[in-house]
Protein backbone atom coordinates (compact mmCIF):
# COMPACT_ATOMS: atom_id res chain seq x y z
CA MET A 1 -95.71 -18.67 53.14
CA THR A 2 -92.64 -20.01 51.36
CA ALA A 3 -92.85 -23.69 50.49
CA VAL A 4 -90.33 -26.18 51.81
CA VAL A 5 -88.70 -27.49 48.63
CA ARG A 6 -86.86 -30.80 48.72
CA GLN A 7 -84.67 -31.51 45.71
CA GLU A 8 -81.47 -33.13 47.00
CA ARG A 9 -81.78 -36.82 46.24
CA ALA A 10 -80.96 -37.98 49.77
CA ASP A 11 -83.48 -35.53 51.23
CA VAL A 12 -86.11 -36.63 48.71
CA ARG A 13 -85.61 -40.31 49.57
CA GLN A 14 -85.73 -39.66 53.30
CA ARG A 15 -88.85 -37.52 53.14
CA LEU A 16 -90.67 -40.02 50.92
CA ALA A 17 -89.72 -42.83 53.28
CA GLU A 18 -91.26 -40.85 56.15
CA LEU A 19 -94.46 -40.75 54.09
CA GLY A 20 -94.30 -44.48 53.37
CA LEU A 21 -93.39 -43.93 49.72
CA GLU A 22 -90.59 -44.58 47.25
CA GLU A 23 -89.57 -42.35 44.38
CA GLY A 24 -89.33 -45.30 41.99
CA PHE A 25 -92.98 -46.24 41.94
CA LEU A 26 -94.08 -42.61 41.83
CA THR A 27 -92.02 -41.96 38.70
CA ASP A 28 -93.02 -45.36 37.28
CA ALA A 29 -96.65 -44.31 37.63
CA VAL A 30 -95.92 -41.08 35.77
CA ARG A 31 -94.07 -43.05 33.08
CA ARG A 32 -97.04 -45.37 32.58
CA GLY A 33 -99.31 -42.37 32.23
CA GLN A 34 -97.01 -40.88 29.62
CA LEU A 35 -97.03 -44.11 27.63
CA ALA A 36 -100.83 -44.06 27.65
CA PHE A 37 -100.69 -40.45 26.48
CA LEU A 38 -98.38 -41.27 23.57
CA ASN A 39 -100.38 -44.34 22.55
CA CYS A 40 -103.29 -42.11 21.59
CA THR A 41 -103.74 -41.10 17.96
CA PRO A 42 -105.41 -38.18 16.16
CA ASN A 43 -108.47 -40.44 15.87
CA HIS A 44 -109.06 -40.25 19.63
CA PRO A 45 -111.21 -37.41 20.96
CA PRO A 46 -109.08 -34.30 21.63
CA ASN A 47 -109.32 -34.49 25.42
CA PHE A 48 -108.75 -38.26 25.66
CA PRO A 49 -104.90 -38.34 25.77
CA GLY A 50 -104.86 -36.27 28.97
CA LEU A 51 -107.67 -38.35 30.47
CA ALA A 52 -105.92 -41.60 29.54
CA ALA A 53 -102.63 -40.42 31.05
CA TRP A 54 -104.35 -39.33 34.27
CA ALA A 55 -106.29 -42.61 34.60
CA GLU A 56 -103.24 -44.80 33.95
CA THR A 57 -101.14 -42.78 36.41
CA VAL A 58 -103.81 -43.19 39.11
CA CYS A 59 -103.99 -46.93 38.40
CA ALA A 60 -100.21 -47.40 38.46
CA LEU A 61 -99.85 -45.38 41.65
CA ARG A 62 -102.45 -47.54 43.38
CA GLU A 63 -100.80 -50.72 42.18
CA GLY A 64 -97.56 -49.46 43.69
CA VAL A 65 -98.88 -48.55 47.14
CA ILE A 66 -101.75 -50.99 47.80
CA PRO A 67 -99.34 -53.88 48.61
CA SER A 68 -98.05 -51.69 51.48
CA GLY A 69 -101.52 -51.37 53.01
CA TRP A 70 -102.74 -48.28 51.19
CA GLN A 71 -106.32 -48.18 49.93
CA ARG A 72 -108.04 -46.68 46.93
CA SER A 73 -110.81 -44.17 47.51
CA ASN A 74 -113.28 -42.90 44.93
CA ASP A 75 -115.48 -41.04 47.38
CA ARG A 76 -117.42 -38.29 45.58
CA ASN A 77 -115.73 -39.52 42.36
CA TYR A 78 -112.39 -38.09 43.56
CA ALA A 79 -109.69 -40.65 42.81
CA LEU A 80 -107.30 -40.93 45.75
CA SER A 81 -104.75 -43.33 47.16
CA VAL A 82 -105.01 -43.30 50.97
CA ASP A 83 -102.32 -44.44 53.42
CA PRO A 84 -102.99 -47.22 55.97
CA GLU A 85 -103.68 -44.74 58.80
CA GLY A 86 -106.07 -42.65 56.71
CA SER A 87 -104.05 -39.53 57.49
CA MET A 88 -102.63 -38.93 54.01
CA ALA A 89 -104.00 -39.17 50.48
CA ILE A 90 -102.53 -38.63 47.02
CA ALA A 91 -104.38 -37.25 44.00
CA VAL A 92 -102.98 -36.85 40.47
CA ALA A 93 -103.10 -33.62 38.47
CA THR A 94 -101.33 -31.87 35.60
CA GLY A 95 -99.31 -28.75 36.33
CA ASP A 96 -97.91 -25.79 34.44
CA GLU A 97 -94.33 -25.26 33.26
CA GLY A 98 -93.14 -24.55 36.82
CA THR A 99 -93.79 -28.16 37.83
CA GLY A 100 -90.64 -29.99 38.88
CA LEU A 101 -88.51 -26.84 39.00
CA ALA A 102 -87.24 -26.04 42.47
CA ASP A 103 -87.07 -22.26 41.91
CA ALA A 104 -90.60 -21.96 40.50
CA ASN A 105 -94.06 -21.79 42.05
CA PRO A 106 -96.15 -24.19 39.97
CA SER A 107 -99.89 -24.09 39.49
CA THR A 108 -102.35 -26.70 38.33
CA ASN A 109 -103.39 -26.55 34.69
CA ALA A 110 -107.08 -27.16 35.27
CA ARG A 111 -109.57 -25.22 37.33
CA LYS A 112 -110.47 -27.13 40.49
CA GLY A 113 -113.91 -27.90 41.81
CA PRO A 114 -115.49 -28.16 45.29
CA ILE A 115 -113.89 -31.52 46.14
CA THR A 116 -110.37 -30.16 45.71
CA LEU A 117 -111.42 -26.99 47.54
CA ASP A 118 -112.37 -29.14 50.52
CA ALA A 119 -109.08 -31.02 50.41
CA VAL A 120 -107.02 -27.83 50.31
CA ALA A 121 -109.06 -26.29 53.12
CA ALA A 122 -108.40 -29.39 55.25
CA ASN A 123 -104.69 -29.03 54.53
CA GLN A 124 -104.85 -25.41 55.67
CA LEU A 125 -106.50 -26.37 58.94
CA ARG A 126 -103.54 -28.56 59.83
CA PHE A 127 -101.31 -25.48 59.92
CA SER A 128 -102.95 -23.20 62.48
CA PHE A 129 -99.91 -20.91 62.54
CA MET A 130 -100.51 -19.72 58.98
CA ASP A 131 -100.79 -15.94 58.64
CA GLN A 132 -103.77 -15.88 56.31
CA PRO A 133 -107.16 -17.10 57.53
CA ILE A 134 -109.14 -19.67 55.57
CA SER A 135 -111.52 -18.00 53.16
CA PRO A 136 -115.16 -19.16 53.25
CA ARG A 137 -114.93 -19.38 49.44
CA ARG A 138 -112.49 -22.25 49.87
CA THR A 139 -114.91 -24.38 51.85
CA VAL A 140 -117.75 -24.52 49.35
CA ALA A 141 -118.78 -28.09 50.13
CA GLY A 142 -117.54 -28.32 53.71
CA VAL A 143 -114.09 -29.12 55.04
CA GLY A 144 -113.05 -32.78 55.13
CA GLY A 145 -111.94 -34.73 58.16
CA GLY A 146 -108.42 -33.33 58.44
CA ARG A 147 -106.65 -35.76 56.12
CA MET A 148 -103.66 -34.30 54.32
CA THR A 149 -104.10 -34.50 50.55
CA TRP A 150 -100.94 -34.37 48.45
CA ILE A 151 -100.85 -33.87 44.68
CA LEU A 152 -98.69 -35.88 42.30
CA LEU A 153 -98.22 -32.97 39.92
CA ILE A 154 -97.12 -33.72 36.34
CA HIS A 155 -96.01 -31.50 33.46
CA ARG A 156 -95.28 -32.72 29.93
CA ALA A 157 -92.59 -30.57 28.32
CA THR A 158 -91.13 -31.00 24.85
CA ASP A 159 -88.23 -33.26 25.87
CA GLU A 160 -89.12 -34.45 29.35
CA VAL A 161 -91.89 -35.09 31.83
CA ARG A 162 -91.36 -33.32 35.16
CA CYS A 163 -93.17 -34.28 38.32
CA GLU A 164 -93.32 -33.58 42.04
CA LEU A 165 -95.28 -34.68 45.08
CA SER A 166 -96.54 -31.53 46.74
CA LEU A 167 -98.90 -30.40 49.49
CA PRO A 168 -101.32 -27.65 48.37
CA ILE A 169 -102.50 -24.97 50.79
CA SER A 170 -104.18 -22.37 48.57
CA ILE A 171 -106.47 -22.05 45.58
CA GLY A 172 -106.53 -18.70 43.83
CA GLU A 173 -109.43 -16.68 42.50
CA ASP A 174 -108.97 -18.41 39.14
CA MET A 175 -109.65 -21.75 40.91
CA HIS A 176 -106.16 -23.12 40.27
CA ILE A 177 -103.95 -24.38 43.10
CA ASP A 178 -101.35 -21.64 43.51
CA ALA A 179 -99.46 -22.24 46.78
CA TRP A 180 -97.82 -25.19 48.48
CA ARG A 181 -96.69 -26.04 51.99
CA GLU A 182 -94.11 -28.59 50.82
CA ARG A 183 -92.77 -29.69 47.44
CA ILE A 184 -90.82 -32.91 46.85
CA ILE A 185 -89.12 -32.71 43.45
CA LEU A 186 -88.99 -36.09 41.73
CA GLY A 187 -86.66 -37.18 38.96
CA SER A 188 -87.66 -36.11 35.45
CA ILE A 189 -88.46 -38.61 32.72
CA GLU A 190 -86.59 -38.04 29.47
CA LEU A 191 -88.69 -38.35 26.32
CA ASP A 192 -86.41 -40.67 24.37
CA GLY A 193 -86.50 -44.33 23.40
CA ASP A 194 -89.92 -45.82 24.23
CA LEU A 195 -91.15 -42.43 25.38
CA ALA A 196 -90.04 -40.53 22.29
CA GLY A 197 -92.59 -38.74 20.17
CA ALA A 198 -94.37 -35.47 19.74
CA VAL A 199 -96.21 -34.24 22.79
CA PRO A 200 -99.68 -33.01 21.83
CA THR A 201 -101.47 -30.49 24.01
CA PRO A 202 -104.59 -32.02 25.59
CA LEU A 203 -107.58 -30.03 26.67
CA PRO A 204 -107.45 -29.27 30.42
CA LEU A 205 -109.62 -31.41 32.66
CA THR A 206 -111.65 -30.13 35.58
CA ASP A 207 -112.81 -32.13 38.60
CA ILE A 208 -115.47 -34.57 37.52
CA THR A 209 -118.65 -34.59 39.59
CA ILE A 210 -121.49 -36.96 38.71
CA ASP A 211 -124.85 -36.49 40.36
CA VAL A 212 -126.79 -39.74 40.69
CA LYS A 213 -130.54 -39.34 41.22
CA ARG A 214 -133.05 -42.07 41.97
CA ARG A 215 -135.75 -42.46 39.35
CA ALA A 216 -139.23 -41.50 40.43
């Protein structure tokens, strides 16, 4: 299935408004994450810049939408921002070089775990007219309650940070998201001024799952 790609600025604004969002605070969240990324030094652990950027982006996104009635959810240690009706959620992830390019088909950088598998499977179920059936492999931990989970996908290039808000519908055999129902291309962030600096390559992050067991 070919993704619906929205890149014209008027179309982007209208579609985001339909979702109860504004482009400004989405890109501001990405910008804050990039600043956290660049504030790291070689003395930080190698995978920390990517983790810091992800965490700050999640925080900034929540600060932008919570005043409008959205809620934060950390169920199963999966960081989401959930709309007031509970019908839509947004997660944050890094993407490959196709991120933010209308003529590309981006993929996530990191392998995804069972929580993301559930979210993608729930997205699939909302489109019963899809040609391909849902694979049992994609429902490892059980399908969620039908909420649509979007991804704020971010890619750090040499001279800019590209981002998009997109709705995933498939995870490939390599456990990376590889297909989208809809992609909303957001404005890129130029790496100049306060955001200037070399862009190191962080280690990819996978879904974090923490098992808590009661002591005997």
